[in-house]
PDB file of N, CA and C in Angstrom:
ATOM      1  N   MET A   1     -79.137  61.679 119.687  1.00  0.00           N
ATOM      2  CA  MET A   1     -80.467  62.033 120.180  1.00  0.00           C
ATOM      3  C   MET A   1     -81.267  62.615 119.019  1.00  0.00           C
ATOM      4  N   ILE A   2     -82.449  62.100 118.829  1.00  0.00           N
ATOM      5  CA  ILE A   2     -83.348  62.588 117.787  1.00  0.00           C
ATOM      6  C   ILE A   2     -84.537  63.251 118.458  1.00  0.00           C
ATOM      7  N   GLU A   3     -84.934  64.390 117.924  1.00  0.00           N
ATOM      8  CA  GLU A   3     -86.138  65.062 118.396  1.00  0.00           C
ATOM      9  C   GLU A   3     -87.174  65.061 117.276  1.00  0.00           C
ATOM     10  N   ILE A   4     -88.375  64.646 117.609  1.00  0.00           N
ATOM     11  CA  ILE A   4     -89.491  64.732 116.680  1.00  0.00           C
ATOM     12  C   ILE A   4     -90.343  65.901 117.145  1.00  0.00           C
ATOM     13  N   LYS A   5     -90.521  66.859 116.229  1.00  0.00           N
ATOM     14  CA  LYS A   5     -91.232  68.093 116.582  1.00  0.00           C
ATOM     15  C   LYS A   5     -92.569  68.191 115.872  1.00  0.00           C
ATOM     16  N   HIS A   6     -93.451  68.978 116.445  1.00  0.00           N
ATOM     17  CA  HIS A   6     -94.740  69.265 115.837  1.00  0.00           C
ATOM     18  C   HIS A   6     -94.491  70.136 114.606  1.00  0.00           C
ATOM     19  N   LYS A   7     -95.170  69.814 113.511  1.00  0.00           N
ATOM     20  CA  LYS A   7     -94.918  70.505 112.235  1.00  0.00           C
ATOM     21  C   LYS A   7     -95.292  71.982 112.246  1.00  0.00           C
ATOM     22  N   GLU A   8     -96.192  72.407 113.099  1.00  0.00           N
ATOM     23  CA  GLU A   8     -96.628  73.806 113.115  1.00  0.00           C
ATOM     24  C   GLU A   8     -96.068  74.589 114.299  1.00  0.00           C
ATOM     25  N   THR A   9     -96.065  73.995 115.468  1.00  0.00           N
ATOM     26  CA  THR A   9     -95.647  74.733 116.666  1.00  0.00           C
ATOM     27  C   THR A   9     -94.165  74.583 116.991  1.00  0.00           C
ATOM     28  N   GLY A  10     -93.542  73.527 116.469  1.00  0.00           N
ATOM     29  CA  GLY A  10     -92.148  73.265 116.794  1.00  0.00           C
ATOM     30  C   GLY A  10     -91.949  72.618 118.157  1.00  0.00           C
ATOM     31  N   GLN A  11     -93.050  72.360 118.853  1.00  0.00           N
ATOM     32  CA  GLN A  11     -92.982  71.707 120.156  1.00  0.00           C
ATOM     33  C   GLN A  11     -92.353  70.324 120.002  1.00  0.00           C
ATOM     34  N   VAL A  12     -91.453  69.967 120.904  1.00  0.00           N
ATOM     35  CA  VAL A  12     -90.844  68.643 120.881  1.00  0.00           C
ATOM     36  C   VAL A  12     -91.866  67.630 121.387  1.00  0.00           C
ATOM     37  N   LEU A  13     -92.220  66.676 120.525  1.00  0.00           N
ATOM     38  CA  LEU A  13     -93.182  65.639 120.873  1.00  0.00           C
ATOM     39  C   LEU A  13     -92.508  64.406 121.455  1.00  0.00           C
ATOM     40  N   LEU A  14     -91.262  64.168 121.019  1.00  0.00           N
ATOM     41  CA  LEU A  14     -90.549  62.974 121.476  1.00  0.00           C
ATOM     42  C   LEU A  14     -89.052  63.173 121.308  1.00  0.00           C
ATOM     43  N   GLN A  15     -88.307  62.828 122.328  1.00  0.00           N
ATOM     44  CA  GLN A  15     -86.854  62.756 122.231  1.00  0.00           C
ATOM     45  C   GLN A  15     -86.493  61.279 122.262  1.00  0.00           C
ATOM     46  N   TRP A  16     -85.702  60.847 121.273  1.00  0.00           N
ATOM     47  CA  TRP A  16     -85.388  59.435 121.126  1.00  0.00           C
ATOM     48  C   TRP A  16     -83.881  59.276 121.200  1.00  0.00           C
ATOM     49  N   ASP A  17     -83.424  58.433 122.117  1.00  0.00           N
ATOM     50  CA  ASP A  17     -81.996  58.227 122.331  1.00  0.00           C
ATOM     51  C   ASP A  17     -81.450  57.207 121.331  1.00  0.00           C
ATOM     52  N   ALA A  18     -81.269  57.675 120.098  1.00  0.00           N
ATOM     53  CA  ALA A  18     -80.728  56.857 119.015  1.00  0.00           C
ATOM     54  C   ALA A  18     -80.162  57.790 117.959  1.00  0.00           C
ATOM     55  N   ASP A  19     -79.361  57.235 117.060  1.00  0.00           N
ATOM     56  CA  ASP A  19     -78.784  58.031 115.984  1.00  0.00           C
ATOM     57  C   ASP A  19     -79.714  58.147 114.788  1.00  0.00           C
ATOM     58  N   GLU A  20     -80.682  57.213 114.688  1.00  0.00           N
ATOM     59  CA  GLU A  20     -81.640  57.223 113.572  1.00  0.00           C
ATOM     60  C   GLU A  20     -82.947  56.584 114.017  1.00  0.00           C
ATOM     61  N   LEU A  21     -84.001  56.849 113.253  1.00  0.00           N
ATOM     62  CA  LEU A  21     -85.307  56.265 113.566  1.00  0.00           C
ATOM     63  C   LEU A  21     -85.562  54.965 112.811  1.00  0.00           C
ATOM     64  N   ALA A  22     -84.789  54.706 111.760  1.00  0.00           N
ATOM     65  CA  ALA A  22     -84.967  53.477 110.981  1.00  0.00           C
ATOM     66  C   ALA A  22     -84.866  52.270 111.911  1.00  0.00           C
ATOM     67  N   GLY A  23     -85.867  51.400 111.826  1.00  0.00           N
ATOM     68  CA  GLY A  23     -85.884  50.166 112.607  1.00  0.00           C
ATOM     69  C   GLY A  23     -86.319  50.307 114.053  1.00  0.00           C
ATOM     70  N   GLN A  24     -86.707  51.488 114.475  1.00  0.00           N
ATOM     71  CA  GLN A  24     -87.118  51.706 115.866  1.00  0.00           C
ATOM     72  C   GLN A  24     -88.587  51.327 116.067  1.00  0.00           C
ATOM     73  N   LYS A  25     -88.972  51.131 117.318  1.00  0.00           N
ATOM     74  CA  LYS A  25     -90.357  50.831 117.684  1.00  0.00           C
ATOM     75  C   LYS A  25     -90.952  52.063 118.364  1.00  0.00           C
ATOM     76  N   LEU A  26     -91.855  52.730 117.651  1.00  0.00           N
ATOM     77  CA  LEU A  26     -92.535  53.906 118.196  1.00  0.00           C
ATOM     78  C   LEU A  26     -93.993  53.560 118.490  1.00  0.00           C
ATOM     79  N   ASP A  27     -94.202  52.354 118.929  1.00  0.00           N
ATOM     80  CA  ASP A  27     -95.541  51.833 119.205  1.00  0.00           C
ATOM     81  C   ASP A  27     -96.203  52.592 120.349  1.00  0.00           C
ATOM     82  N   GLY A  28     -97.472  52.952 120.137  1.00  0.00           N
ATOM     83  CA  GLY A  28     -98.271  53.598 121.169  1.00  0.00           C
ATOM     84  C   GLY A  28     -97.916  55.049 121.462  1.00  0.00           C
ATOM     85  N   LYS A  29     -97.021  55.647 120.703  1.00  0.00           N
ATOM     86  CA  LYS A  29     -96.595  57.027 120.963  1.00  0.00           C
ATOM     87  C   LYS A  29     -97.628  58.040 120.463  1.00  0.00           C
ATOM     88  N   GLU A  30     -97.766  59.141 121.170  1.00  0.00           N
ATOM     89  CA  GLU A  30     -98.639  60.250 120.779  1.00  0.00           C
ATOM     90  C   GLU A  30     -97.799  61.213 119.954  1.00  0.00           C
ATOM     91  N   LEU A  31     -97.950  61.141 118.634  1.00  0.00           N
ATOM     92  CA  LEU A  31     -97.153  61.949 117.715  1.00  0.00           C
ATOM     93  C   LEU A  31     -98.036  62.694 116.717  1.00  0.00           C
ATOM     94  N   SER A  32     -99.231  63.054 117.127  1.00  0.00           N
ATOM     95  CA  SER A  32    -100.117  63.803 116.247  1.00  0.00           C
ATOM     96  C   SER A  32     -99.476  65.133 115.875  1.00  0.00           C
ATOM     97  N   GLY A  33     -99.474  65.431 114.566  1.00  0.00           N
ATOM     98  CA  GLY A  33     -98.892  66.664 114.061  1.00  0.00           C
ATOM     99  C   GLY A  33     -97.382  66.596 113.879  1.00  0.00           C
ATOM    100  N   ALA A  34     -96.788  65.424 114.054  1.00  0.00           N
ATOM    101  CA  ALA A  34     -95.329  65.283 113.967  1.00  0.00           C
ATOM    102  C   ALA A  34     -94.817  65.558 112.558  1.00  0.00           C
ATOM    103  N   ASP A  35     -93.612  66.096 112.499  1.00  0.00           N
ATOM    104  CA  ASP A  35     -92.954  66.381 111.231  1.00  0.00           C
ATOM    105  C   ASP A  35     -91.890  65.314 110.972  1.00  0.00           C
ATOM    106  N   PHE A  36     -92.213  64.377 110.067  1.00  0.00           N
ATOM    107  CA  PHE A  36     -91.301  63.315 109.668  1.00  0.00           C
ATOM    108  C   PHE A  36     -90.795  63.544 108.243  1.00  0.00           C
ATOM    109  N   THR A  37     -90.934  64.749 107.723  1.00  0.00           N
ATOM    110  CA  THR A  37     -90.588  65.010 106.325  1.00  0.00           C
ATOM    111  C   THR A  37     -89.138  64.624 106.033  1.00  0.00           C
ATOM    112  N   GLY A  38     -88.999  63.817 104.965  1.00  0.00           N
ATOM    113  CA  GLY A  38     -87.689  63.416 104.484  1.00  0.00           C
ATOM    114  C   GLY A  38     -86.913  62.454 105.369  1.00  0.00           C
ATOM    115  N   MET A  39     -87.506  61.967 106.442  1.00  0.00           N
ATOM    116  CA  MET A  39     -86.785  61.085 107.366  1.00  0.00           C
ATOM    117  C   MET A  39     -86.684  59.658 106.837  1.00  0.00           C
ATOM    118  N   ASP A  40     -85.663  58.962 107.278  1.00  0.00           N
ATOM    119  CA  ASP A  40     -85.482  57.547 106.965  1.00  0.00           C
ATOM    120  C   ASP A  40     -86.177  56.738 108.056  1.00  0.00           C
ATOM    121  N   LEU A  41     -87.353  56.195 107.730  1.00  0.00           N
ATOM    122  CA  LEU A  41     -88.152  55.432 108.692  1.00  0.00           C
ATOM    123  C   LEU A  41     -88.257  53.961 108.292  1.00  0.00           C
ATOM    124  N   ARG A  42     -87.292  53.485 107.497  1.00  0.00           N
ATOM    125  CA  ARG A  42     -87.324  52.090 107.043  1.00  0.00           C
ATOM    126  C   ARG A  42     -87.438  51.138 108.232  1.00  0.00           C
ATOM    127  N   GLY A  43     -88.440  50.240 108.165  1.00  0.00           N
ATOM    128  CA  GLY A  43     -88.594  49.208 109.180  1.00  0.00           C
ATOM    129  C   GLY A  43     -89.080  49.688 110.534  1.00  0.00           C
ATOM    130  N   THR A  44     -89.446  50.946 110.653  1.00  0.00           N
ATOM    131  CA  THR A  44     -89.960  51.479 111.919  1.00  0.00           C
ATOM    132  C   THR A  44     -91.386  50.985 112.136  1.00  0.00           C
ATOM    133  N   THR A  45     -91.761  50.709 113.380  1.00  0.00           N
ATOM    134  CA  THR A  45     -93.129  50.317 113.678  1.00  0.00           C
ATOM    135  C   THR A  45     -93.829  51.433 114.446  1.00  0.00           C
ATOM    136  N   PHE A  46     -95.087  51.657 114.051  1.00  0.00           N
ATOM    137  CA  PHE A  46     -95.950  52.655 114.691  1.00  0.00           C
ATOM    138  C   PHE A  46     -97.252  51.985 115.132  1.00  0.00           C
ATOM    139  N   HIS A  47     -97.166  50.797 115.688  1.00  0.00           N
ATOM    140  CA  HIS A  47     -98.368  50.075 116.099  1.00  0.00           C
ATOM    141  C   HIS A  47     -99.089  50.864 117.195  1.00  0.00           C
ATOM    142  N   TYR A  48    -100.379  51.088 116.979  1.00  0.00           N
ATOM    143  CA  TYR A  48    -101.251  51.786 117.932  1.00  0.00           C
ATOM    144  C   TYR A  48    -100.771  53.213 118.243  1.00  0.00           C
ATOM    145  N   ALA A  49    -100.004  53.804 117.349  1.00  0.00           N
ATOM    146  CA  ALA A  49     -99.515  55.172 117.545  1.00  0.00           C
ATOM    147  C   ALA A  49    -100.565  56.188 117.102  1.00  0.00           C
ATOM    148  N   PHE A  50    -100.493  57.375 117.637  1.00  0.00           N
ATOM    149  CA  PHE A  50    -101.386  58.468 117.291  1.00  0.00           C
ATOM    150  C   PHE A  50    -100.625  59.413 116.370  1.00  0.00           C
ATOM    151  N   LEU A  51    -100.971  59.383 115.077  1.00  0.00           N
ATOM    152  CA  LEU A  51    -100.249  60.115 114.048  1.00  0.00           C
ATOM    153  C   LEU A  51    -101.166  61.021 113.227  1.00  0.00           C
ATOM    154  N   ASN A  52    -102.275  61.437 113.813  1.00  0.00           N
ATOM    155  CA  ASN A  52    -103.194  62.333 113.118  1.00  0.00           C
ATOM    156  C   ASN A  52    -102.451  63.604 112.716  1.00  0.00           C
ATOM    157  N   ASP A  53    -102.657  64.040 111.480  1.00  0.00           N
ATOM    158  CA  ASP A  53    -102.047  65.263 110.945  1.00  0.00           C
ATOM    159  C   ASP A  53    -100.524  65.200 110.821  1.00  0.00           C
ATOM    160  N   ALA A  54     -99.927  64.027 110.987  1.00  0.00           N
ATOM    161  CA  ALA A  54     -98.470  63.902 110.853  1.00  0.00           C
ATOM    162  C   ALA A  54     -98.064  64.113 109.398  1.00  0.00           C
ATOM    163  N   ASP A  55     -96.850  64.613 109.192  1.00  0.00           N
ATOM    164  CA  ASP A  55     -96.346  64.871 107.848  1.00  0.00           C
ATOM    165  C   ASP A  55     -95.182  63.931 107.549  1.00  0.00           C
ATOM    166  N   PHE A  56     -95.427  62.972 106.635  1.00  0.00           N
ATOM    167  CA  PHE A  56     -94.421  62.003 106.213  1.00  0.00           C
ATOM    168  C   PHE A  56     -93.906  62.329 104.815  1.00  0.00           C
ATOM    169  N   GLN A  57     -94.162  63.512 104.335  1.00  0.00           N
ATOM    170  CA  GLN A  57     -93.817  63.886 102.957  1.00  0.00           C
ATOM    171  C   GLN A  57     -92.343  63.601 102.663  1.00  0.00           C
ATOM    172  N   GLY A  58     -92.105  62.781 101.619  1.00  0.00           N
ATOM    173  CA  GLY A  58     -90.754  62.464 101.176  1.00  0.00           C
ATOM    174  C   GLY A  58     -89.990  61.500 102.071  1.00  0.00           C
ATOM    175  N   ALA A  59     -90.635  60.960 103.099  1.00  0.00           N
ATOM    176  CA  ALA A  59     -89.957  60.028 104.002  1.00  0.00           C
ATOM    177  C   ALA A  59     -89.787  58.662 103.346  1.00  0.00           C
ATOM    178  N   ASN A  60     -88.753  57.926 103.742  1.00  0.00           N
ATOM    179  CA  ASN A  60     -88.559  56.560 103.276  1.00  0.00           C
ATOM    180  C   ASN A  60     -89.318  55.643 104.232  1.00  0.00           C
ATOM    181  N   LEU A  61     -90.422  55.063 103.748  1.00  0.00           N
ATOM    182  CA  LEU A  61     -91.277  54.212 104.570  1.00  0.00           C
ATOM    183  C   LEU A  61     -91.185  52.741 104.179  1.00  0.00           C
ATOM    184  N   THR A  62     -90.122  52.349 103.503  1.00  0.00           N
ATOM    185  CA  THR A  62     -89.947  50.960 103.095  1.00  0.00           C
ATOM    186  C   THR A  62     -89.959  50.055 104.329  1.00  0.00           C
ATOM    187  N   GLY A  63     -90.881  49.099 104.346  1.00  0.00           N
ATOM    188  CA  GLY A  63     -90.962  48.152 105.454  1.00  0.00           C
ATOM    189  C   GLY A  63     -91.494  48.723 106.751  1.00  0.00           C
ATOM    190  N   THR A  64     -92.061  49.919 106.709  1.00  0.00           N
ATOM    191  CA  THR A  64     -92.629  50.544 107.910  1.00  0.00           C
ATOM    192  C   THR A  64     -94.018  49.977 108.168  1.00  0.00           C
ATOM    193  N   PHE A  65     -94.370  49.749 109.445  1.00  0.00           N
ATOM    194  CA  PHE A  65     -95.651  49.168 109.816  1.00  0.00           C
ATOM    195  C   PHE A  65     -96.469  50.157 110.635  1.00  0.00           C
ATOM    196  N   PHE A  66     -97.767  50.280 110.267  1.00  0.00           N
ATOM    197  CA  PHE A  66     -98.698  51.193 110.936  1.00  0.00           C
ATOM    198  C   PHE A  66     -99.908  50.424 111.467  1.00  0.00           C
ATOM    199  N   ARG A  67     -99.732  49.341 112.155  1.00  0.00           N
ATOM    200  CA  ARG A  67    -100.854  48.524 112.628  1.00  0.00           C
ATOM    201  C   ARG A  67    -101.702  49.297 113.634  1.00  0.00           C
ATOM    202  N   ALA A  68    -102.988  49.442 113.302  1.00  0.00           N
ATOM    203  CA  ALA A  68    -103.986  50.091 114.168  1.00  0.00           C
ATOM    204  C   ALA A  68    -103.571  51.502 114.597  1.00  0.00           C
ATOM    205  N   ALA A  69    -102.798  52.179 113.767  1.00  0.00           N
ATOM    206  CA  ALA A  69    -102.392  53.556 114.070  1.00  0.00           C
ATOM    207  C   ALA A  69    -103.470  54.534 113.621  1.00  0.00           C
ATOM    208  N   ASN A  70    -103.597  55.639 114.322  1.00  0.00           N
ATOM    209  CA  ASN A  70    -104.506  56.715 113.939  1.00  0.00           C
ATOM    210  C   ASN A  70    -103.773  57.622 112.963  1.00  0.00           C
ATOM    211  N   LEU A  71    -104.239  57.651 111.705  1.00  0.00           N
ATOM    212  CA  LEU A  71    -103.548  58.379 110.642  1.00  0.00           C
ATOM    213  C   LEU A  71    -104.442  59.392 109.926  1.00  0.00           C
ATOM    214  N   ASN A  72    -105.450  59.892 110.624  1.00  0.00           N
ATOM    215  CA  ASN A  72    -106.349  60.863 109.999  1.00  0.00           C
ATOM    216  C   ASN A  72    -105.581  62.085 109.527  1.00  0.00           C
ATOM    217  N   ARG A  73    -105.787  62.464 108.269  1.00  0.00           N
ATOM    218  CA  ARG A  73    -105.189  63.640 107.647  1.00  0.00           C
ATOM    219  C   ARG A  73    -103.667  63.608 107.574  1.00  0.00           C
ATOM    220  N   ALA A  74    -103.046  62.450 107.744  1.00  0.00           N
ATOM    221  CA  ALA A  74    -101.581  62.347 107.604  1.00  0.00           C
ATOM    222  C   ALA A  74    -101.202  62.553 106.148  1.00  0.00           C
ATOM    223  N   ASN A  75    -100.060  63.173 105.915  1.00  0.00           N
ATOM    224  CA  ASN A  75     -99.583  63.482 104.564  1.00  0.00           C
ATOM    225  C   ASN A  75     -98.503  62.475 104.169  1.00  0.00           C
ATOM    226  N   PHE A  76     -98.775  61.718 103.100  1.00  0.00           N
ATOM    227  CA  PHE A  76     -97.837  60.721 102.598  1.00  0.00           C
ATOM    228  C   PHE A  76     -97.351  61.048 101.184  1.00  0.00           C
ATOM    229  N   GLN A  77     -97.417  62.297 100.775  1.00  0.00           N
ATOM    230  CA  GLN A  77     -96.969  62.665  99.438  1.00  0.00           C
ATOM    231  C   GLN A  77     -95.474  62.396  99.277  1.00  0.00           C
ATOM    232  N   GLY A  78     -95.134  61.795  98.142  1.00  0.00           N
ATOM    233  CA  GLY A  78     -93.744  61.594  97.788  1.00  0.00           C
ATOM    234  C   GLY A  78     -93.025  60.511  98.570  1.00  0.00           C
ATOM    235  N   CYS A  79     -93.787  59.676  99.254  1.00  0.00           N
ATOM    236  CA  CYS A  79     -93.155  58.593 100.018  1.00  0.00           C
ATOM    237  C   CYS A  79     -92.865  57.412  99.113  1.00  0.00           C
TER     238      CYS A  79
END
Protein backbone atom coordinates (compact mmCIF):
# COMPACT_ATOMS: atom_id res chain seq x y z
CA MET A 1 0.00 0.00 0.00
CA ILE A 2 1.36 3.39 -1.00
CA GLU A 3 0.17 6.65 0.49
CA ILE A 4 0.63 9.94 -1.31
CA LYS A 5 0.55 12.80 1.16
CA HIS A 6 0.24 16.55 0.91
CA LYS A 7 3.70 18.13 1.15
CA GLU A 8 2.70 20.68 3.81
CA THR A 9 -0.19 19.24 5.81
CA GLY A 10 0.67 15.55 5.65
CA GLN A 11 -2.94 14.81 4.72
CA VAL A 12 -3.28 11.54 2.79
CA LEU A 13 -4.40 12.46 -0.73
CA LEU A 14 -4.42 8.95 -2.16
CA GLN A 15 -3.93 5.39 -0.97
CA TRP A 16 -2.81 3.11 -3.78
CA ASP A 17 -2.97 -0.68 -3.49
CA ALA A 18 0.39 -1.46 -5.09
CA ASP A 19 4.01 -1.93 -4.08
CA GLU A 20 5.24 0.92 -6.32
CA LEU A 21 3.92 3.79 -8.41
CA ALA A 22 6.13 3.10 -11.44
CA GLY A 23 3.91 2.21 -14.40
CA GLN A 24 0.63 3.04 -12.64
CA LYS A 25 -2.24 5.09 -14.09
CA LEU A 26 -3.07 8.07 -11.88
CA ASP A 27 -5.25 9.67 -14.53
CA GLY A 28 -7.78 12.25 -13.36
CA LYS A 29 -6.63 12.14 -9.72
CA GLU A 30 -6.74 15.24 -7.49
CA LEU A 31 -3.18 15.38 -6.15
CA SER A 32 -2.56 19.10 -5.77
CA GLY A 33 0.23 19.69 -3.25
CA ALA A 34 1.32 16.03 -3.36
CA ASP A 35 4.80 15.07 -2.21
CA PHE A 36 6.44 12.83 -4.83
CA THR A 37 10.01 13.73 -3.82
CA GLY A 38 12.50 11.03 -4.75
CA MET A 39 9.82 8.58 -5.92
CA ASP A 40 10.20 6.17 -8.82
CA LEU A 41 7.46 7.27 -11.23
CA ARG A 42 8.88 5.68 -14.40
CA GLY A 43 6.12 5.13 -16.96
CA THR A 44 3.37 6.50 -14.70
CA THR A 45 0.54 8.40 -16.40
CA PHE A 46 -1.05 11.53 -14.96
CA HIS A 47 -3.47 12.31 -17.79
CA TYR A 48 -5.94 15.04 -16.75
CA ALA A 49 -4.60 14.91 -13.17
CA PHE A 50 -4.59 17.90 -10.83
CA LEU A 51 -0.98 18.37 -9.70
CA ASN A 52 -0.81 22.08 -8.85
CA ASP A 53 1.95 22.76 -6.29
CA ALA A 54 3.05 19.09 -6.38
CA ASP A 55 6.67 18.37 -5.49
CA PHE A 56 8.50 15.99 -7.86
CA GLN A 57 11.97 17.04 -6.69
CA GLY A 58 14.48 14.24 -7.39
CA ALA A 59 11.80 11.86 -8.71
CA ASN A 60 12.53 9.48 -11.59
CA LEU A 61 10.15 10.64 -14.33
CA THR A 62 11.58 8.60 -17.21
CA GLY A 63 8.71 7.80 -19.57
CA THR A 64 6.14 9.55 -17.37
CA PHE A 65 3.20 11.20 -19.18
CA PHE A 66 1.39 14.38 -18.07
CA ARG A 67 -1.22 14.82 -20.83
CA ALA A 68 -3.51 17.79 -20.08
CA ALA A 69 -2.48 17.74 -16.40
CA ASN A 70 -2.68 20.86 -14.24
CA LEU A 71 0.92 21.52 -13.16
CA ASN A 72 0.90 25.12 -11.96
CA ARG A 73 3.81 25.78 -9.58
CA ALA A 74 4.88 22.10 -9.58
CA ASN A 75 8.52 21.56 -8.59
CA PHE A 76 10.61 19.47 -11.00
CA GLN A 77 14.09 20.28 -9.66
CA GLY A 78 16.57 17.44 -9.96
CA CYS A 79 14.32 15.18 -12.00
